[in-house]
Amino acid sequence: MRTEYLSSAPSDLQRAADLLKAGELVAIPTETVYGLAADALNGEAVAAIFAAKGRPADNPLIVHIAAVSEWERLVSHIPPQALALAEAFWPGPLTMILPKTDLIPNEVSAGLSTVAVRMPSHPIARELIALSGCPLAAPSANRSGIPSPTEAKRVAEDMDGRIAAVVDGGTCDVGVESTVIDLSTTPPRLLRPGAVTVEMLTAVIGEIAVDDAVVQPLKSGRAAASPGMKYKHYAPKAKVILVKGDKNAFVDYVNAHAADGVAALCFDGEETGLCIPYFTYGARDDHAAQAHHVFEVLRRLDEQHVRIAYTACPSQDGVGLAVYNRLLRAAGFEVIVLE
């Protein structure tokens, strides 16, 4: 297959929309990461997403819409809490899970009775939904399990020859996937953290539960209700090891384990004293910057042939929880706690 590379020019967006209407796969920019889009109501097209990514079939997808009115035919019930969250955070990086209607193919929901829906804020994503005339199922536009792409060139590295087209919309603003909250349960349950934080959600709808799988492996036999729950995700070829501790303890520990192919992934300004190669991914107290840079830095580890990356551990408050969640899964839950 020849992959077309398209710009944000109107003619190119129309070409991308025509491909989507024809059941083809098109990588599109969103404010979170690049998504691999297909007509969400076309089971055959959705199945092609799984084939292109090498994605397990029991890992559900998120459906993207361009207007709240499009939500009503996709879910069987919209509770007041969902309406309040949509008013507060849509368009934006929040996904809500609700009982689905029969319009949603099983390929999208991985056989579950629910569907995950969000309205992206990226203008190109919303324009393509409108031009194609259909909601778009769109997981991250990369091979399954590796760091998500935040630039079109990263999509090309992973998906060239596997999909019909890539639309280049520049670098994604947020840098990590959307927050996912399950509103089909009481209380609502956070399944994946993102830029819409626990604190922001509770300010709108009150009490929510944070699923154990946010910071622990999913329990054996449990179905994944959201993307990013069940499998090792976001991982480069390099072995990522999280290290919890202050700056000085981190530097001492990493230097003590210096060797060929070993590098540090640390916070901006905290590389002083390191005797091995390092990569920075935002200041310790700037969680938004960490989120924006983390996937790109993980990809750079492999470009520099890093074998082991000792990684300074972010905090678990605000957007920091999203960064921690991604790094924890990239590390396969391997964490060293320094006294």
Protein backbone atom coordinates (compact mmCIF):
# COMPACT_ATOMS: atom_id res chain seq x y z
CA MET A 1 0.00 0.00 0.00
CA ARG A 2 1.20 3.52 -0.80
CA THR A 3 0.69 5.95 2.06
CA GLU A 4 -0.19 9.51 1.03
CA TYR A 5 1.20 12.44 3.03
CA LEU A 6 -1.30 15.27 3.25
CA SER A 7 -1.17 18.81 4.60
CA SER A 8 -3.85 20.85 6.33
CA ALA A 9 -4.83 22.55 3.06
CA PRO A 10 -8.58 22.29 2.30
CA SER A 11 -8.02 20.08 -0.75
CA ASP A 12 -5.87 17.69 1.27
CA LEU A 13 -8.42 17.52 4.09
CA GLN A 14 -11.13 16.73 1.55
CA ARG A 15 -8.92 13.97 0.15
CA ALA A 16 -8.48 12.54 3.67
CA ALA A 17 -12.24 12.71 4.27
CA ASP A 18 -12.92 10.92 0.99
CA LEU A 19 -10.55 8.13 2.01
CA LEU A 20 -12.28 7.79 5.38
CA LYS A 21 -15.70 7.64 3.71
CA ALA A 22 -14.34 4.87 1.47
CA GLY A 23 -13.38 2.77 4.52
CA GLU A 24 -9.65 3.56 4.46
CA LEU A 25 -7.36 4.34 7.41
CA VAL A 26 -6.04 7.88 7.85
CA ALA A 27 -3.74 9.13 10.61
CA ILE A 28 -4.97 12.47 11.93
CA PRO A 29 -3.72 15.01 14.46
CA THR A 30 -5.58 15.58 17.71
CA GLU A 31 -4.66 17.76 20.67
CA THR A 32 -3.49 14.64 22.56
CA VAL A 33 -1.60 12.37 20.12
CA TYR A 34 -1.99 11.40 16.46
CA GLY A 35 -4.89 9.01 15.97
CA LEU A 36 -5.34 6.25 13.41
CA ALA A 37 -8.85 7.01 12.19
CA ALA A 38 -11.53 4.95 10.48
CA ASP A 39 -15.29 5.23 10.10
CA ALA A 40 -16.46 4.10 13.55
CA LEU A 41 -19.70 2.68 12.13
CA ASN A 42 -17.92 0.50 9.57
CA GLY A 43 -16.86 -2.72 11.31
CA GLU A 44 -14.61 -3.74 8.41
CA ALA A 45 -12.75 -0.43 8.47
CA VAL A 46 -12.38 -0.61 12.25
CA ALA A 47 -11.02 -4.16 12.00
CA ALA A 48 -8.35 -2.79 9.66
CA ILE A 49 -7.13 -0.51 12.48
CA PHE A 50 -6.36 -3.55 14.61
CA ALA A 51 -4.54 -5.24 11.72
CA ALA A 52 -2.45 -2.15 10.89
CA LYS A 53 -1.43 -1.58 14.50
CA GLY A 54 -1.05 -5.23 15.51
CA ARG A 55 -3.50 -4.35 18.28
CA PRO A 56 -5.18 -7.04 20.40
CA ALA A 57 -8.87 -7.36 19.50
CA ASP A 58 -9.97 -7.14 23.16
CA ASN A 59 -8.62 -3.58 23.50
CA PRO A 60 -11.57 -1.19 22.87
CA LEU A 61 -11.37 1.99 20.80
CA ILE A 62 -12.52 5.57 21.38
CA VAL A 63 -15.09 7.14 19.04
CA HIS A 64 -14.46 10.79 18.12
CA ILE A 65 -17.29 13.21 17.33
CA ALA A 66 -17.39 16.85 16.22
CA ALA A 67 -20.59 18.01 17.98
CA VAL A 68 -22.50 17.01 21.12
CA SER A 69 -25.57 16.24 18.99
CA GLU A 70 -23.66 13.36 17.37
CA TRP A 71 -23.36 11.66 20.77
CA GLU A 72 -27.05 10.87 21.12
CA ARG A 73 -27.19 8.10 18.51
CA LEU A 74 -24.05 6.39 19.83
CA VAL A 75 -25.01 5.96 23.50
CA SER A 76 -28.30 4.70 24.91
CA HIS A 77 -28.40 7.05 27.92
CA ILE A 78 -26.73 10.36 28.72
CA PRO A 79 -26.90 11.04 32.48
CA PRO A 80 -26.71 14.55 34.00
CA GLN A 81 -23.10 13.94 35.06
CA ALA A 82 -22.11 13.30 31.44
CA LEU A 83 -23.81 16.47 30.27
CA ALA A 84 -22.05 18.47 32.99
CA LEU A 85 -18.66 17.06 31.98
CA ALA A 86 -19.33 17.72 28.30
CA GLU A 87 -20.25 21.31 29.14
CA ALA A 88 -17.05 21.74 31.14
CA PHE A 89 -14.47 19.89 29.02
CA TRP A 90 -15.70 19.35 25.44
CA PRO A 91 -14.21 19.87 23.01
CA GLY A 92 -11.09 18.63 24.75
CA PRO A 93 -9.07 15.65 26.04
CA LEU A 94 -11.84 13.87 27.98
CA THR A 95 -13.36 10.52 26.99
CA MET A 96 -16.59 9.28 28.58
CA ILE A 97 -17.77 5.67 28.65
CA LEU A 98 -21.51 4.99 28.52
CA PRO A 99 -23.83 2.15 27.40
CA LYS A 100 -23.72 1.89 23.61
CA THR A 101 -26.44 1.70 21.00
CA ASP A 102 -26.65 -0.96 18.30
CA LEU A 103 -24.96 1.44 15.86
CA ILE A 104 -21.59 0.73 17.46
CA PRO A 105 -19.90 -2.33 15.91
CA ASN A 106 -18.44 -4.93 18.26
CA GLU A 107 -15.04 -4.21 16.71
CA VAL A 108 -15.10 -0.75 18.33
CA SER A 109 -16.25 -1.84 21.79
CA ALA A 110 -14.27 -5.11 21.90
CA GLY A 111 -17.54 -6.88 22.60
CA LEU A 112 -18.40 -4.73 25.63
CA SER A 113 -21.85 -3.21 26.20
CA THR A 114 -20.32 0.25 26.48
CA VAL A 115 -18.62 2.71 24.14
CA ALA A 116 -15.99 5.40 24.79
CA VAL A 117 -16.69 8.78 23.16
CA ARG A 118 -14.87 12.11 23.05
CA MET A 119 -14.96 15.38 21.14
CA PRO A 120 -11.42 16.48 20.25
CA SER A 121 -10.50 20.15 20.29
CA HIS A 122 -7.99 19.98 17.42
CA PRO A 123 -9.55 21.89 14.48
CA ILE A 124 -8.25 19.44 11.87
CA ALA A 125 -9.69 16.43 13.69
CA ARG A 126 -13.09 18.08 13.98
CA GLU A 127 -13.01 19.25 10.36
CA LEU A 128 -12.27 15.73 9.15
CA ILE A 129 -15.12 14.27 11.21
CA ALA A 130 -17.46 16.84 9.67
CA LEU A 131 -16.16 16.36 6.11
CA SER A 132 -16.31 12.57 6.31
CA GLY A 133 -19.83 12.63 7.76
CA CYS A 134 -19.12 9.89 10.28
CA PRO A 135 -17.75 9.50 13.79
CA LEU A 136 -14.16 8.30 13.78
CA ALA A 137 -12.66 5.46 15.80
CA ALA A 138 -9.08 6.52 16.40
CA PRO A 139 -6.53 4.89 18.70
CA SER A 140 -2.97 6.23 18.64
CA ALA A 141 -1.37 6.03 15.19
CA ASN A 142 1.53 3.71 16.03
CA ARG A 143 2.31 0.03 16.18
CA SER A 144 0.71 -1.40 19.30
CA GLY A 145 2.70 -1.13 22.52
CA ILE A 146 5.26 1.51 21.59
CA PRO A 147 5.26 5.23 22.48
CA SER A 148 2.40 7.15 20.91
CA PRO A 149 3.27 9.63 18.13
CA THR A 150 2.95 13.38 18.71
CA GLU A 151 4.35 14.36 15.31
CA ALA A 152 3.47 13.21 11.79
CA LYS A 153 7.03 12.03 11.15
CA ARG A 154 6.66 9.51 13.98
CA VAL A 155 3.48 8.19 12.40
CA ALA A 156 5.39 7.75 9.15
CA GLU A 157 8.10 5.76 10.92
CA ASP A 158 5.52 3.31 12.26
CA MET A 159 2.77 3.16 9.67
CA ASP A 160 4.21 3.94 6.22
CA GLY A 161 2.84 1.43 3.73
CA ARG A 162 0.26 0.16 6.24
CA ILE A 163 -2.38 2.91 5.97
CA ALA A 164 -3.85 5.08 3.23
CA ALA A 165 -2.75 8.53 4.43
CA VAL A 166 -1.25 10.73 7.13
CA VAL A 167 -2.48 14.30 7.69
CA ASP A 168 0.28 16.52 9.07
CA GLY A 169 -1.16 18.93 11.63
CA GLY A 170 2.03 19.80 13.48
CA THR A 171 3.02 18.78 17.00
CA CYS A 172 0.24 17.73 19.38
CA ASP A 173 -0.29 20.17 22.26
CA VAL A 174 -1.10 17.84 25.17
CA GLY A 175 1.20 14.93 24.34
CA VAL A 176 -0.57 12.10 26.19
CA GLU A 177 -3.88 10.41 25.44
CA SER A 178 -7.20 11.65 26.77
CA THR A 179 -8.54 11.13 30.26
CA VAL A 180 -11.04 8.25 30.31
CA ILE A 181 -13.88 8.16 32.84
CA ASP A 182 -16.47 5.37 33.03
CA LEU A 183 -19.93 6.85 33.68
CA SER A 184 -21.68 3.49 33.40
CA THR A 185 -20.73 2.74 37.02
CA THR A 186 -21.51 4.33 40.39
CA PRO A 187 -19.50 6.23 41.39
CA PRO A 188 -17.91 7.16 38.06
CA ARG A 189 -14.50 5.55 37.68
CA LEU A 190 -11.31 7.04 36.24
CA LEU A 191 -9.76 4.40 33.96
CA ARG A 192 -6.98 6.43 32.35
CA PRO A 193 -5.57 9.74 33.59
CA GLY A 194 -4.86 12.62 31.22
CA ALA A 195 -4.89 16.39 30.96
CA VAL A 196 -8.37 16.57 32.50
CA THR A 197 -7.34 15.70 36.03
CA VAL A 198 -9.04 13.96 38.93
CA GLU A 199 -9.27 17.32 40.66
CA MET A 200 -10.96 18.91 37.64
CA LEU A 201 -13.46 16.05 37.33
CA THR A 202 -14.45 16.07 40.99
CA ALA A 203 -14.95 19.84 40.88
CA VAL A 204 -17.71 19.24 38.31
CA ILE A 205 -19.41 15.98 39.35
CA GLY A 206 -18.19 15.26 42.88
CA GLU A 207 -16.87 11.89 44.00
CA ILE A 208 -15.14 9.62 41.51
CA ALA A 209 -13.17 6.41 42.02
CA VAL A 210 -9.71 5.92 40.57
CA ASP A 211 -9.36 2.43 39.14
CA ASP A 212 -6.59 0.28 40.62
CA ALA A 213 -5.28 -0.34 37.08
CA VAL A 214 -4.17 3.31 36.81
CA VAL A 215 -1.10 2.50 38.92
CA GLN A 216 -1.14 -1.33 39.02
CA PRO A 217 -1.35 -4.12 36.44
CA LEU A 218 -4.89 -5.04 35.40
CA LYS A 219 -6.04 -8.05 37.41
CA SER A 220 -5.93 -11.35 35.59
CA GLY A 221 -9.18 -12.22 33.83
CA ARG A 222 -10.58 -8.70 34.00
CA ALA A 223 -11.74 -7.12 30.72
CA ALA A 224 -10.17 -3.81 29.71
CA ALA A 225 -12.93 -1.19 29.65
CA SER A 226 -10.58 1.45 28.26
CA PRO A 227 -7.53 1.63 25.98
CA GLY A 228 -4.24 1.59 27.86
CA MET A 229 -5.36 -0.69 30.70
CA LYS A 230 -4.52 -4.28 29.85
CA TYR A 231 -1.18 -4.47 28.11
CA LYS A 232 2.31 -3.07 28.41
CA HIS A 233 2.04 0.24 26.57
CA TYR A 234 4.10 3.23 25.48
CA ALA A 235 7.37 1.26 25.69
CA PRO A 236 10.50 1.87 23.61
CA LYS A 237 12.93 -0.95 22.87
CA ALA A 238 15.10 0.44 25.66
CA LYS A 239 14.36 -0.97 29.11
CA VAL A 240 12.72 1.78 31.16
CA ILE A 241 13.13 1.68 34.95
CA LEU A 242 11.38 4.26 37.12
CA VAL A 243 13.38 5.64 40.03
CA LYS A 244 11.56 7.37 42.90
CA GLY A 245 13.69 9.78 44.91
CA ASP A 246 14.90 13.37 45.13
CA LYS A 247 17.36 14.87 42.67
CA ASN A 248 20.53 14.02 44.61
CA ALA A 249 19.48 10.45 45.36
CA PHE A 250 18.56 9.93 41.68
CA VAL A 251 21.94 11.26 40.46
CA ASP A 252 23.88 9.11 42.94
CA TYR A 253 21.92 5.97 42.03
CA VAL A 254 22.21 6.45 38.28
CA ASN A 255 25.93 7.26 38.40
CA ALA A 256 26.50 4.11 40.44
CA HIS A 257 24.93 2.10 37.61
CA ALA A 258 26.79 3.78 34.74
CA ALA A 259 27.62 1.49 31.81
CA ASP A 260 27.62 1.46 28.04
CA GLY A 261 24.09 1.97 26.76
CA VAL A 262 22.78 3.28 30.07
CA ALA A 263 21.13 6.72 30.14
CA ALA A 264 19.08 8.90 32.45
CA LEU A 265 15.69 10.41 31.72
CA CYS A 266 15.40 13.32 34.14
CA PHE A 267 13.71 16.63 34.83
CA ASP A 268 14.91 19.88 33.29
CA GLY A 269 17.73 21.40 35.32
CA GLU A 270 18.40 18.21 37.28
CA GLU A 271 20.99 16.75 34.92
CA THR A 272 23.85 18.43 36.81
CA GLY A 273 26.21 15.80 38.20
CA LEU A 274 25.16 12.97 35.89
CA CYS A 275 28.10 11.11 34.37
CA ILE A 276 26.05 9.29 31.72
CA PRO A 277 24.02 10.49 28.72
CA TYR A 278 20.72 12.07 29.69
CA PHE A 279 17.42 13.24 28.25
CA THR A 280 15.15 15.78 29.93
CA TYR A 281 11.36 15.83 29.71
CA GLY A 282 10.16 18.94 31.54
CA ALA A 283 10.70 20.55 34.93
CA ARG A 284 9.87 18.54 38.07
CA ASP A 285 6.91 20.80 38.89
CA ASP A 286 5.72 21.34 35.29
CA HIS A 287 3.48 18.35 34.66
CA ALA A 288 2.05 19.76 31.44
CA ALA A 289 5.56 20.04 29.96
CA GLN A 290 6.32 16.49 31.06
CA ALA A 291 3.20 15.25 29.28
CA HIS A 292 4.04 17.22 26.15
CA HIS A 293 7.56 15.78 25.88
CA VAL A 294 7.45 12.29 27.39
CA PHE A 295 6.56 10.20 24.32
CA GLU A 296 9.00 12.02 22.06
CA VAL A 297 11.80 11.51 24.60
CA LEU A 298 10.99 7.81 24.89
CA ARG A 299 11.35 7.51 21.13
CA ARG A 300 14.69 9.32 21.21
CA LEU A 301 16.06 6.63 23.55
CA ASP A 302 15.92 4.11 20.73
CA GLU A 303 17.38 6.55 18.21
CA GLN A 304 20.39 6.88 20.51
CA HIS A 305 20.61 3.09 21.03
CA VAL A 306 19.98 3.29 24.77
CA ARG A 307 19.65 -0.13 26.43
CA ILE A 308 18.52 0.96 29.90
CA ALA A 309 16.92 4.29 30.83
CA TYR A 310 16.75 5.13 34.52
CA THR A 311 13.84 7.53 34.67
CA ALA A 312 13.11 10.17 37.30
CA CYS A 313 9.63 9.46 38.60
CA PRO A 314 6.98 12.20 38.28
CA SER A 315 4.52 12.99 41.04
CA GLN A 316 1.02 11.53 41.04
CA ASP A 317 -0.99 14.72 41.39
CA GLY A 318 -2.71 16.67 38.61
CA VAL A 319 -1.44 15.90 35.12
CA GLY A 320 1.54 14.24 36.81
CA LEU A 321 -0.66 11.17 37.36
CA ALA A 322 -1.04 10.82 33.57
CA VAL A 323 2.72 11.01 33.04
CA TYR A 324 3.33 8.55 35.87
CA ASN A 325 0.76 6.15 34.40
CA ARG A 326 2.43 6.20 30.95
CA LEU A 327 5.94 5.76 32.33
CA LEU A 328 4.81 3.05 34.72
CA ARG A 329 3.41 1.03 31.82
CA ALA A 330 6.45 1.76 29.66
CA ALA A 331 8.55 0.35 32.51
CA GLY A 332 6.39 -2.73 32.87
CA PHE A 333 5.74 -1.55 36.46
CA GLU A 334 9.42 -1.80 37.42
CA VAL A 335 10.04 0.89 40.06
CA ILE A 336 13.05 1.44 42.32
CA VAL A 337 12.29 3.39 45.50
CA LEU A 338 15.26 5.19 47.00
CA GLU A 339 15.31 5.77 50.75
